Amino acid sequence: MQLTEQQSLRIAELPHGYRVVGLDGAVPMVREPTGQLVRIEQNGQLTTPSAEAKRKLVGADSNGEALPPGGVLAVTPYTSVMD
């Protein structure tokens, strides 16, 4: 996949804390520090991704519910170990 010049410039100008986290076709997806996902269109503009694009990036469980990044649900956090 080749980025357009405008997409490359936009990525280079992203503020600290913004991360490229995936692709929606030929469009890079970026996670803002707030957790919000945005797309970098071919003209370099930031837009809101569709719900379908978000589901593809994040994944979904068998009920169609979005999974957290990495695709694993944490049911019980283990904070101590029993002997």
N, C-alpha and C. Protein backbone atom coordinates (compact mmCIF):
# COMPACT_ATOMS: atom_id res chain seq x y z
N MET A 1 0.83 -1.17 0.00
CA MET A 1 0.00 0.00 0.00
C MET A 1 0.87 1.23 0.00
N GLN A 2 0.54 2.19 -0.81
CA GLN A 2 1.30 3.43 -0.88
C GLN A 2 0.43 4.58 -0.40
N LEU A 3 0.95 5.37 0.54
CA LEU A 3 0.24 6.54 1.02
C LEU A 3 0.37 7.68 0.02
N THR A 4 -0.65 8.55 0.00
CA THR A 4 -0.54 9.75 -0.81
C THR A 4 0.42 10.71 -0.10
N GLU A 5 0.88 11.70 -0.83
CA GLU A 5 1.77 12.69 -0.23
C GLU A 5 1.07 13.41 0.92
N GLN A 6 -0.22 13.71 0.74
CA GLN A 6 -0.98 14.41 1.79
C GLN A 6 -1.13 13.54 3.04
N GLN A 7 -1.36 12.22 2.87
CA GLN A 7 -1.44 11.33 4.02
C GLN A 7 -0.11 11.26 4.75
N SER A 8 0.98 11.15 4.00
CA SER A 8 2.31 11.09 4.61
C SER A 8 2.61 12.36 5.39
N LEU A 9 2.27 13.52 4.83
CA LEU A 9 2.50 14.79 5.52
C LEU A 9 1.67 14.87 6.80
N ARG A 10 0.42 14.44 6.73
CA ARG A 10 -0.46 14.48 7.91
C ARG A 10 0.11 13.59 9.02
N ILE A 11 0.57 12.39 8.67
CA ILE A 11 1.15 11.50 9.66
C ILE A 11 2.39 12.13 10.29
N ALA A 12 3.22 12.76 9.48
CA ALA A 12 4.43 13.41 9.99
C ALA A 12 4.10 14.56 10.93
N GLU A 13 2.94 15.19 10.75
CA GLU A 13 2.55 16.34 11.56
C GLU A 13 1.70 15.98 12.78
N LEU A 14 1.40 14.69 12.97
CA LEU A 14 0.55 14.31 14.11
C LEU A 14 1.22 14.70 15.43
N PRO A 15 0.45 15.26 16.35
CA PRO A 15 1.01 15.62 17.65
C PRO A 15 1.42 14.39 18.45
N HIS A 16 2.20 14.62 19.49
CA HIS A 16 2.63 13.55 20.39
C HIS A 16 1.41 12.83 20.95
N GLY A 17 1.47 11.52 21.01
CA GLY A 17 0.38 10.74 21.57
C GLY A 17 -0.57 10.16 20.54
N TYR A 18 -0.49 10.61 19.31
CA TYR A 18 -1.31 10.04 18.23
C TYR A 18 -0.55 8.87 17.63
N ARG A 19 -1.27 7.75 17.36
CA ARG A 19 -0.61 6.55 16.82
C ARG A 19 -1.38 6.00 15.64
N VAL A 20 -0.67 5.64 14.60
CA VAL A 20 -1.29 4.92 13.49
C VAL A 20 -1.50 3.49 13.98
N VAL A 21 -2.76 3.03 13.93
CA VAL A 21 -3.08 1.72 14.52
C VAL A 21 -3.62 0.71 13.51
N GLY A 22 -3.83 1.13 12.27
CA GLY A 22 -4.34 0.18 11.28
C GLY A 22 -4.73 0.86 9.99
N LEU A 23 -5.37 0.08 9.13
CA LEU A 23 -5.80 0.58 7.83
C LEU A 23 -7.26 0.24 7.60
N ASP A 24 -7.95 1.13 6.93
CA ASP A 24 -9.31 0.89 6.44
C ASP A 24 -9.19 0.98 4.93
N GLY A 25 -8.91 -0.16 4.30
CA GLY A 25 -8.60 -0.14 2.87
C GLY A 25 -7.25 0.51 2.68
N ALA A 26 -7.22 1.63 1.95
CA ALA A 26 -5.97 2.37 1.72
C ALA A 26 -5.88 3.60 2.60
N VAL A 27 -6.69 3.64 3.66
CA VAL A 27 -6.75 4.82 4.52
C VAL A 27 -6.22 4.48 5.91
N PRO A 28 -5.15 5.17 6.36
CA PRO A 28 -4.63 4.92 7.70
C PRO A 28 -5.63 5.31 8.79
N MET A 29 -5.68 4.51 9.84
CA MET A 29 -6.51 4.79 11.02
C MET A 29 -5.57 5.21 12.14
N VAL A 30 -5.93 6.27 12.84
CA VAL A 30 -5.11 6.85 13.89
C VAL A 30 -5.91 6.87 15.19
N ARG A 31 -5.24 6.50 16.30
CA ARG A 31 -5.88 6.62 17.61
C ARG A 31 -5.34 7.87 18.29
N GLU A 32 -6.28 8.75 18.67
CA GLU A 32 -5.91 9.97 19.38
C GLU A 32 -5.61 9.62 20.84
N PRO A 33 -4.94 10.49 21.58
CA PRO A 33 -4.65 10.22 23.00
C PRO A 33 -5.92 9.96 23.82
N THR A 34 -7.05 10.49 23.38
CA THR A 34 -8.33 10.29 24.08
C THR A 34 -8.92 8.90 23.82
N GLY A 35 -8.34 8.16 22.86
CA GLY A 35 -8.85 6.85 22.48
C GLY A 35 -9.72 6.89 21.23
N GLN A 36 -10.08 8.08 20.78
CA GLN A 36 -10.92 8.24 19.59
C GLN A 36 -10.16 7.79 18.34
N LEU A 37 -10.85 7.09 17.44
CA LEU A 37 -10.25 6.70 16.16
C LEU A 37 -10.61 7.71 15.09
N VAL A 38 -9.64 8.04 14.25
CA VAL A 38 -9.87 8.90 13.08
C VAL A 38 -9.18 8.29 11.87
N ARG A 39 -9.67 8.67 10.69
CA ARG A 39 -9.07 8.22 9.43
C ARG A 39 -8.30 9.39 8.82
N ILE A 40 -7.23 9.07 8.10
CA ILE A 40 -6.51 10.09 7.34
C ILE A 40 -6.86 9.84 5.87
N GLU A 41 -7.77 10.66 5.35
CA GLU A 41 -8.23 10.50 3.97
C GLU A 41 -7.08 10.76 2.99
N GLN A 42 -7.29 10.42 1.73
CA GLN A 42 -6.24 10.57 0.72
C GLN A 42 -5.80 12.02 0.56
N ASN A 43 -6.71 12.97 0.88
CA ASN A 43 -6.35 14.39 0.77
C ASN A 43 -5.72 14.92 2.07
N GLY A 44 -5.51 14.04 3.06
CA GLY A 44 -4.87 14.43 4.31
C GLY A 44 -5.83 14.87 5.40
N GLN A 45 -7.12 14.97 5.09
CA GLN A 45 -8.11 15.40 6.07
C GLN A 45 -8.39 14.27 7.07
N LEU A 46 -8.62 14.66 8.33
CA LEU A 46 -9.01 13.70 9.36
C LEU A 46 -10.52 13.59 9.37
N THR A 47 -11.03 12.35 9.34
CA THR A 47 -12.47 12.12 9.37
C THR A 47 -12.79 11.01 10.36
N THR A 48 -14.05 10.92 10.72
CA THR A 48 -14.52 9.88 11.62
C THR A 48 -14.73 8.59 10.83
N PRO A 49 -14.19 7.47 11.29
CA PRO A 49 -14.40 6.20 10.58
C PRO A 49 -15.82 5.69 10.78
N SER A 50 -16.27 4.86 9.87
CA SER A 50 -17.58 4.24 10.00
C SER A 50 -17.56 3.23 11.15
N ALA A 51 -18.74 2.87 11.63
CA ALA A 51 -18.83 1.86 12.68
C ALA A 51 -18.24 0.54 12.19
N GLU A 52 -18.46 0.21 10.92
CA GLU A 52 -17.92 -1.03 10.34
C GLU A 52 -16.39 -1.03 10.37
N ALA A 53 -15.78 0.11 10.00
CA ALA A 53 -14.32 0.21 10.01
C ALA A 53 -13.78 0.06 11.42
N LYS A 54 -14.47 0.63 12.41
CA LYS A 54 -14.04 0.49 13.80
C LYS A 54 -14.11 -0.97 14.24
N ARG A 55 -15.21 -1.65 13.89
CA ARG A 55 -15.36 -3.06 14.26
C ARG A 55 -14.25 -3.92 13.64
N LYS A 56 -13.93 -3.64 12.38
CA LYS A 56 -12.87 -4.41 11.72
C LYS A 56 -11.53 -4.21 12.41
N LEU A 57 -11.26 -2.99 12.83
CA LEU A 57 -9.98 -2.68 13.47
C LEU A 57 -9.90 -3.28 14.87
N VAL A 58 -10.96 -3.12 15.64
CA VAL A 58 -10.96 -3.54 17.04
C VAL A 58 -11.31 -5.01 17.17
N GLY A 59 -12.18 -5.51 16.30
CA GLY A 59 -12.64 -6.88 16.40
C GLY A 59 -13.97 -6.93 17.13
N ALA A 60 -14.61 -8.08 17.13
CA ALA A 60 -15.87 -8.24 17.83
C ALA A 60 -15.96 -9.65 18.37
N ASP A 61 -16.70 -9.79 19.48
CA ASP A 61 -16.89 -11.12 20.03
C ASP A 61 -18.05 -11.81 19.33
N SER A 62 -18.44 -12.99 19.79
CA SER A 62 -19.48 -13.76 19.11
C SER A 62 -20.85 -13.08 19.17
N ASN A 63 -21.04 -12.14 20.09
CA ASN A 63 -22.30 -11.41 20.18
C ASN A 63 -22.28 -10.12 19.37
N GLY A 64 -21.19 -9.86 18.66
CA GLY A 64 -21.07 -8.64 17.89
C GLY A 64 -20.60 -7.44 18.70
N GLU A 65 -20.29 -7.67 19.97
CA GLU A 65 -19.80 -6.59 20.82
C GLU A 65 -18.33 -6.32 20.51
N ALA A 66 -17.95 -5.05 20.51
CA ALA A 66 -16.57 -4.69 20.22
C ALA A 66 -15.65 -5.20 21.33
N LEU A 67 -14.52 -5.74 20.92
CA LEU A 67 -13.50 -6.18 21.87
C LEU A 67 -12.50 -5.06 22.09
N PRO A 68 -11.81 -5.06 23.20
CA PRO A 68 -10.77 -4.06 23.43
C PRO A 68 -9.60 -4.28 22.47
N PRO A 69 -8.73 -3.27 22.33
CA PRO A 69 -7.55 -3.45 21.47
C PRO A 69 -6.80 -4.72 21.85
N GLY A 70 -6.43 -5.51 20.87
CA GLY A 70 -5.76 -6.77 21.11
C GLY A 70 -6.74 -7.93 21.06
N GLY A 71 -8.06 -7.63 21.19
CA GLY A 71 -9.08 -8.64 21.01
C GLY A 71 -9.30 -9.60 22.15
N VAL A 72 -8.87 -9.27 23.37
CA VAL A 72 -9.03 -10.17 24.50
C VAL A 72 -9.83 -9.48 25.59
N LEU A 73 -10.88 -10.14 26.07
CA LEU A 73 -11.64 -9.60 27.19
C LEU A 73 -11.01 -10.05 28.49
N ALA A 74 -10.80 -9.15 29.40
CA ALA A 74 -10.29 -9.48 30.73
C ALA A 74 -11.48 -9.60 31.65
N VAL A 75 -11.76 -10.80 32.13
CA VAL A 75 -12.92 -11.02 32.97
C VAL A 75 -12.60 -10.68 34.42
N THR A 76 -11.51 -11.21 34.92
CA THR A 76 -11.12 -10.99 36.30
C THR A 76 -9.65 -10.56 36.34
N PRO A 77 -9.39 -9.36 36.80
CA PRO A 77 -7.97 -8.98 36.93
C PRO A 77 -7.37 -9.65 38.17
N TYR A 78 -6.26 -10.31 37.96
CA TYR A 78 -5.58 -10.97 39.08
C TYR A 78 -4.55 -10.01 39.64
N THR A 79 -4.78 -9.61 40.88
CA THR A 79 -3.87 -8.66 41.51
C THR A 79 -3.00 -9.32 42.58
N SER A 80 -3.33 -10.56 42.91
CA SER A 80 -2.48 -11.27 43.88
C SER A 80 -2.52 -12.76 43.54
N VAL A 81 -1.55 -13.46 44.04
CA VAL A 81 -1.45 -14.89 43.78
C VAL A 81 -1.61 -15.62 45.10
N MET A 82 -2.49 -16.60 45.09
CA MET A 82 -2.70 -17.40 46.31
C MET A 82 -1.70 -18.53 46.36
N ASP A 83 -1.24 -18.88 47.55
CA ASP A 83 -0.29 -19.99 47.71
C ASP A 83 -0.99 -21.32 47.65
